[in-house]
């Protein structure tokens, strides 16, 4: 039988993605696109993760896939972001039976989206194309294409403007 260190090494992908060994022997299968940049991050199994091309996943991110997790092309995910696709029943009889039966919902992050540092994306959420999620936001509902969502819970605040890049002149522009 493999030691824990050997099992952990078996599930490392280029030293960047840590997938814990599973007792049921399910092999990891993460579909990766081209030209991606990953700082070390963790995921539960990697059975349902699909990462597109030119995507950046920053340090200390965590993916708990209860269902498929699809990350599109040209996506930026800041440090300490959590994608939580699994959940438990709110009914204590179900939640406490057999070690807490879990179920999951998919998470989709579409092309060109940007997820800010420390954001939490919850089960069943879709982040739209070119959408922005502010740092520290807790996203409980879908964010439409080309919109900015911030807060806890995250709320859509305004449309993404292709002309509002960060410059010295506009760095203090409010979101509202």
C-alpha atoms as a PDB file:
ATOM      1  CA  UNK A   1       0.000   0.000   0.000  1.00  0.00           C
ATOM      2  CA  UNK A   2       1.233   3.495  -0.819  1.00  0.00           C
ATOM      3  CA  UNK A   3       2.183   5.904   1.909  1.00  0.00           C
ATOM      4  CA  UNK A   4       0.358   9.209   2.162  1.00  0.00           C
ATOM      5  CA  UNK A   5       3.327  11.035   0.632  1.00  0.00           C
ATOM      6  CA  UNK A   6       3.387   8.626  -2.324  1.00  0.00           C
ATOM      7  CA  UNK A   7      -0.362   9.006  -2.813  1.00  0.00           C
ATOM      8  CA  UNK A   8      -0.116  12.797  -2.712  1.00  0.00           C
ATOM      9  CA  UNK A   9       2.741  12.767  -5.208  1.00  0.00           C
ATOM     10  CA  UNK A  10       0.708  10.529  -7.520  1.00  0.00           C
ATOM     11  CA  UNK A  11      -1.976  13.203  -7.728  1.00  0.00           C
ATOM     12  CA  UNK A  12       0.269  16.212  -8.288  1.00  0.00           C
ATOM     13  CA  UNK A  13       0.078  17.779 -11.738  1.00  0.00           C
ATOM     14  CA  UNK A  14       3.328  19.515 -12.594  1.00  0.00           C
ATOM     15  CA  UNK A  15       3.653  20.367  -8.896  1.00  0.00           C
ATOM     16  CA  UNK A  16       0.803  22.855  -9.173  1.00  0.00           C
ATOM     17  CA  UNK A  17      -2.510  21.091  -8.574  1.00  0.00           C
ATOM     18  CA  UNK A  18      -2.964  19.054  -5.408  1.00  0.00           C
ATOM     19  CA  UNK A  19      -5.640  16.374  -5.613  1.00  0.00           C
ATOM     20  CA  UNK A  20      -5.876  14.163  -2.540  1.00  0.00           C
ATOM     21  CA  UNK A  21      -5.817  10.432  -3.042  1.00  0.00           C
ATOM     22  CA  UNK A  22      -9.294   8.939  -2.717  1.00  0.00           C
ATOM     23  CA  UNK A  23     -10.108   5.785  -0.772  1.00  0.00           C
ATOM     24  CA  UNK A  24     -12.270   4.489  -3.616  1.00  0.00           C
ATOM     25  CA  UNK A  25      -9.342   4.653  -6.034  1.00  0.00           C
ATOM     26  CA  UNK A  26     -10.990   7.110  -8.425  1.00  0.00           C
ATOM     27  CA  UNK A  27      -8.305   8.508 -10.680  1.00  0.00           C
ATOM     28  CA  UNK A  28      -8.104  12.242 -11.225  1.00  0.00           C
ATOM     29  CA  UNK A  29      -9.046  13.575 -14.624  1.00  0.00           C
ATOM     30  CA  UNK A  30      -8.651  17.290 -15.092  1.00  0.00           C
ATOM     31  CA  UNK A  31      -9.049  18.533 -18.654  1.00  0.00           C
ATOM     32  CA  UNK A  32      -6.568  21.346 -19.253  1.00  0.00           C
ATOM     33  CA  UNK A  33      -6.374  23.765 -22.166  1.00  0.00           C
ATOM     34  CA  UNK A  34      -3.219  25.422 -23.504  1.00  0.00           C
ATOM     35  CA  UNK A  35      -1.104  28.292 -22.166  1.00  0.00           C
ATOM     36  CA  UNK A  36      -2.474  28.220 -18.624  1.00  0.00           C
ATOM     37  CA  UNK A  37      -0.727  29.665 -15.582  1.00  0.00           C
ATOM     38  CA  UNK A  38      -1.324  27.966 -12.237  1.00  0.00           C
ATOM     39  CA  UNK A  39       0.012  28.813  -8.830  1.00  0.00           C
ATOM     40  CA  UNK A  40      -0.392  25.840  -6.486  1.00  0.00           C
ATOM     41  CA  UNK A  41      -4.070  25.172  -5.771  1.00  0.00           C
ATOM     42  CA  UNK A  42      -6.168  22.331  -4.339  1.00  0.00           C
ATOM     43  CA  UNK A  43      -9.166  20.396  -5.549  1.00  0.00           C
ATOM     44  CA  UNK A  44     -11.091  17.532  -3.989  1.00  0.00           C
ATOM     45  CA  UNK A  45     -10.810  14.884  -6.700  1.00  0.00           C
ATOM     46  CA  UNK A  46     -10.507  16.453 -10.090  1.00  0.00           C
ATOM     47  CA  UNK A  47     -13.069  14.141 -11.645  1.00  0.00           C
ATOM     48  CA  UNK A  48     -15.198  16.876 -13.161  1.00  0.00           C
ATOM     49  CA  UNK A  49     -12.872  19.825 -13.764  1.00  0.00           C
ATOM     50  CA  UNK A  50     -12.412  21.341 -17.231  1.00  0.00           C
ATOM     51  CA  UNK A  51     -10.084  24.341 -17.574  1.00  0.00           C
ATOM     52  CA  UNK A  52      -9.923  26.215 -20.905  1.00  0.00           C
ATOM     53  CA  UNK A  53      -7.045  27.969 -22.676  1.00  0.00           C
ATOM     54  CA  UNK A  54      -5.080  30.987 -21.409  1.00  0.00           C
ATOM     55  CA  UNK A  55      -6.530  30.749 -17.907  1.00  0.00           C
ATOM     56  CA  UNK A  56      -4.764  31.963 -14.768  1.00  0.00           C
ATOM     57  CA  UNK A  57      -5.513  30.379 -11.391  1.00  0.00           C
ATOM     58  CA  UNK A  58      -3.632  32.159  -8.635  1.00  0.00           C
ATOM     59  CA  UNK A  59      -2.187  30.796  -5.402  1.00  0.00           C
ATOM     60  CA  UNK A  60      -4.163  29.002  -2.700  1.00  0.00           C
ATOM     61  CA  UNK A  61      -7.391  28.493  -4.649  1.00  0.00           C
ATOM     62  CA  UNK A  62      -9.658  25.589  -3.744  1.00  0.00           C
ATOM     63  CA  UNK A  63     -12.053  23.669  -5.966  1.00  0.00           C
ATOM     64  CA  UNK A  64     -14.560  21.356  -4.283  1.00  0.00           C
ATOM     65  CA  UNK A  65     -16.429  19.877  -7.210  1.00  0.00           C
ATOM     66  CA  UNK A  66     -19.711  18.281  -6.266  1.00  0.00           C
ATOM     67  CA  UNK A  67     -20.676  18.471  -9.922  1.00  0.00           C
ATOM     68  CA  UNK A  68     -18.853  19.548 -13.069  1.00  0.00           C
ATOM     69  CA  UNK A  69     -16.653  22.647 -12.793  1.00  0.00           C
ATOM     70  CA  UNK A  70     -16.088  24.333 -16.160  1.00  0.00           C
ATOM     71  CA  UNK A  71     -13.643  27.220 -16.346  1.00  0.00           C
ATOM     72  CA  UNK A  72     -13.557  28.844 -19.778  1.00  0.00           C
ATOM     73  CA  UNK A  73     -10.841  30.478 -21.851  1.00  0.00           C
ATOM     74  CA  UNK A  74      -9.011  33.663 -20.817  1.00  0.00           C
ATOM     75  CA  UNK A  75     -10.303  33.486 -17.233  1.00  0.00           C
ATOM     76  CA  UNK A  76      -8.441  35.127 -14.337  1.00  0.00           C
ATOM     77  CA  UNK A  77      -8.958  33.703 -10.847  1.00  0.00           C
ATOM     78  CA  UNK A  78      -7.323  35.651  -8.019  1.00  0.00           C
ATOM     79  CA  UNK A  79      -5.607  34.206  -4.950  1.00  0.00           C
ATOM     80  CA  UNK A  80      -7.595  32.445  -2.211  1.00  0.00           C
ATOM     81  CA  UNK A  81     -10.713  31.927  -4.343  1.00  0.00           C
ATOM     82  CA  UNK A  82     -12.992  28.990  -3.441  1.00  0.00           C
ATOM     83  CA  UNK A  83     -15.254  27.234  -5.938  1.00  0.00           C
ATOM     84  CA  UNK A  84     -17.596  25.172  -3.752  1.00  0.00           C
ATOM     85  CA  UNK A  85     -19.755  22.844  -5.858  1.00  0.00           C
ATOM     86  CA  UNK A  86     -20.757  20.468  -3.070  1.00  0.00           C
ATOM     87  CA  UNK A  87     -23.260  21.010  -0.295  1.00  0.00           C
ATOM     88  CA  UNK A  88     -25.372  19.165   2.280  1.00  0.00           C
ATOM     89  CA  UNK A  89     -29.080  19.028   3.052  1.00  0.00           C
ATOM     90  CA  UNK A  90     -30.441  21.564   5.522  1.00  0.00           C
ATOM     91  CA  UNK A  91     -32.599  18.771   7.011  1.00  0.00           C
ATOM     92  CA  UNK A  92     -30.619  17.516  10.051  1.00  0.00           C
ATOM     93  CA  UNK A  93     -31.966  13.960   9.697  1.00  0.00           C
ATOM     94  CA  UNK A  94     -30.542  13.716   6.197  1.00  0.00           C
ATOM     95  CA  UNK A  95     -27.426  15.783   6.878  1.00  0.00           C
ATOM     96  CA  UNK A  96     -26.413  13.716   9.920  1.00  0.00           C
ATOM     97  CA  UNK A  97     -27.215  10.294   8.446  1.00  0.00           C
ATOM     98  CA  UNK A  98     -24.346   8.185   7.139  1.00  0.00           C
ATOM     99  CA  UNK A  99     -21.700  10.815   7.692  1.00  0.00           C
ATOM    100  CA  UNK A 100     -23.634  13.641   6.055  1.00  0.00           C
ATOM    101  CA  UNK A 101     -24.823  12.793   2.572  1.00  0.00           C
ATOM    102  CA  UNK A 102     -23.494  15.425   0.174  1.00  0.00           C
ATOM    103  CA  UNK A 103     -24.704  16.440  -3.235  1.00  0.00           C
ATOM    104  CA  UNK A 104     -23.411  18.853  -5.783  1.00  0.00           C
ATOM    105  CA  UNK A 105     -24.282  21.288  -8.496  1.00  0.00           C
ATOM    106  CA  UNK A 106     -22.165  22.499 -11.410  1.00  0.00           C
ATOM    107  CA  UNK A 107     -20.147  25.703 -11.401  1.00  0.00           C
ATOM    108  CA  UNK A 108     -19.451  27.433 -14.710  1.00  0.00           C
ATOM    109  CA  UNK A 109     -17.087  30.339 -15.254  1.00  0.00           C
ATOM    110  CA  UNK A 110     -17.428  31.549 -18.829  1.00  0.00           C
ATOM    111  CA  UNK A 111     -14.760  32.981 -21.140  1.00  0.00           C
ATOM    112  CA  UNK A 112     -13.054  36.206 -20.113  1.00  0.00           C
ATOM    113  CA  UNK A 113     -14.385  36.299 -16.540  1.00  0.00           C
ATOM    114  CA  UNK A 114     -12.312  37.679 -13.678  1.00  0.00           C
ATOM    115  CA  UNK A 115     -12.797  36.406 -10.106  1.00  0.00           C
ATOM    116  CA  UNK A 116     -11.238  38.689  -7.476  1.00  0.00           C
ATOM    117  CA  UNK A 117      -9.124  37.636  -4.514  1.00  0.00           C
ATOM    118  CA  UNK A 118     -10.901  35.692  -1.770  1.00  0.00           C
ATOM    119  CA  UNK A 119     -14.221  35.343  -3.590  1.00  0.00           C
ATOM    120  CA  UNK A 120     -16.401  32.310  -2.876  1.00  0.00           C
ATOM    121  CA  UNK A 121     -18.500  30.816  -5.680  1.00  0.00           C
ATOM    122  CA  UNK A 122     -21.279  28.536  -4.376  1.00  0.00           C
ATOM    123  CA  UNK A 123     -23.013  25.493  -5.955  1.00  0.00           C
ATOM    124  CA  UNK A 124     -25.020  25.956  -9.139  1.00  0.00           C
ATOM    125  CA  UNK A 125     -23.572  29.376 -10.023  1.00  0.00           C
ATOM    126  CA  UNK A 126     -22.629  30.521 -13.520  1.00  0.00           C
ATOM    127  CA  UNK A 127     -20.318  33.505 -13.954  1.00  0.00           C
ATOM    128  CA  UNK A 128     -21.026  35.084 -17.346  1.00  0.00           C
ATOM    129  CA  UNK A 129     -18.668  35.994 -20.176  1.00  0.00           C
ATOM    130  CA  UNK A 130     -16.376  38.913 -19.291  1.00  0.00           C
ATOM    131  CA  UNK A 131     -18.095  39.254 -15.898  1.00  0.00           C
ATOM    132  CA  UNK A 132     -16.157  40.488 -12.865  1.00  0.00           C
ATOM    133  CA  UNK A 133     -16.610  39.233  -9.289  1.00  0.00           C
ATOM    134  CA  UNK A 134     -15.191  41.609  -6.678  1.00  0.00           C
ATOM    135  CA  UNK A 135     -12.670  40.543  -4.063  1.00  0.00           C
ATOM    136  CA  UNK A 136     -14.216  38.882  -1.016  1.00  0.00           C
ATOM    137  CA  UNK A 137     -17.620  38.451  -2.658  1.00  0.00           C
ATOM    138  CA  UNK A 138     -19.836  35.454  -1.884  1.00  0.00           C
ATOM    139  CA  UNK A 139     -21.650  34.525  -5.090  1.00  0.00           C
ATOM    140  CA  UNK A 140     -24.939  32.702  -4.490  1.00  0.00           C
ATOM    141  CA  UNK A 141     -26.666  33.471  -7.826  1.00  0.00           C
ATOM    142  CA  UNK A 142     -25.617  33.694 -11.465  1.00  0.00           C
ATOM    143  CA  UNK A 143     -23.730  36.769 -12.668  1.00  0.00           C
ATOM    144  CA  UNK A 144     -24.843  37.745 -16.200  1.00  0.00           C
ATOM    145  CA  UNK A 145     -22.434  38.334 -19.077  1.00  0.00           C
ATOM    146  CA  UNK A 146     -20.506  41.632 -18.946  1.00  0.00           C
ATOM    147  CA  UNK A 147     -21.624  42.563 -15.423  1.00  0.00           C
ATOM    148  CA  UNK A 148     -19.754  43.355 -12.188  1.00  0.00           C
ATOM    149  CA  UNK A 149     -20.971  41.713  -8.960  1.00  0.00           C
ATOM    150  CA  UNK A 150     -19.660  42.515  -5.473  1.00  0.00           C
ATOM    151  CA  UNK A 151     -20.589  41.951  -1.843  1.00  0.00           C
ATOM    152  CA  UNK A 152     -21.866  39.300   0.542  1.00  0.00           C
ATOM    153  CA  UNK A 153     -24.097  38.111  -0.918  1.00  0.00           C
ATOM    154  CA  UNK A 154     -22.806  39.371  -4.257  1.00  0.00           C
ATOM    155  CA  UNK A 155     -25.121  41.708  -6.125  1.00  0.00           C
ATOM    156  CA  UNK A 156     -24.805  42.928  -9.689  1.00  0.00           C
ATOM    157  CA  UNK A 157     -23.721  46.582  -9.495  1.00  0.00           C
ATOM    158  CA  UNK A 158     -23.070  47.668 -13.058  1.00  0.00           C
ATOM    159  CA  UNK A 159     -22.008  46.724 -16.552  1.00  0.00           C
ATOM    160  CA  UNK A 160     -18.367  46.058 -17.431  1.00  0.00           C
ATOM    161  CA  UNK A 161     -16.997  48.940 -19.489  1.00  0.00           C
ATOM    162  CA  UNK A 162     -14.234  48.112 -21.899  1.00  0.00           C
ATOM    163  CA  UNK A 163     -13.072  51.723 -21.557  1.00  0.00           C
ATOM    164  CA  UNK A 164     -12.731  51.715 -17.770  1.00  0.00           C
ATOM    165  CA  UNK A 165      -9.290  50.207 -17.423  1.00  0.00           C
ATOM    166  CA  UNK A 166      -7.215  50.955 -14.351  1.00  0.00           C
ATOM    167  CA  UNK A 167      -5.316  54.216 -14.734  1.00  0.00           C
ATOM    168  CA  UNK A 168      -4.102  56.873 -12.325  1.00  0.00           C
ATOM    169  CA  UNK A 169      -6.990  59.109 -13.414  1.00  0.00           C
ATOM    170  CA  UNK A 170      -9.828  56.663 -12.676  1.00  0.00           C
ATOM    171  CA  UNK A 171      -8.530  54.482  -9.849  1.00  0.00           C
ATOM    172  CA  UNK A 172     -11.076  55.898  -7.396  1.00  0.00           C
ATOM    173  CA  UNK A 173     -14.156  55.466  -9.593  1.00  0.00           C
ATOM    174  CA  UNK A 174     -16.991  54.108  -7.369  1.00  0.00           C
ATOM    175  CA  UNK A 175     -18.880  50.952  -8.346  1.00  0.00           C
ATOM    176  CA  UNK A 176     -22.316  52.550  -7.903  1.00  0.00           C
END
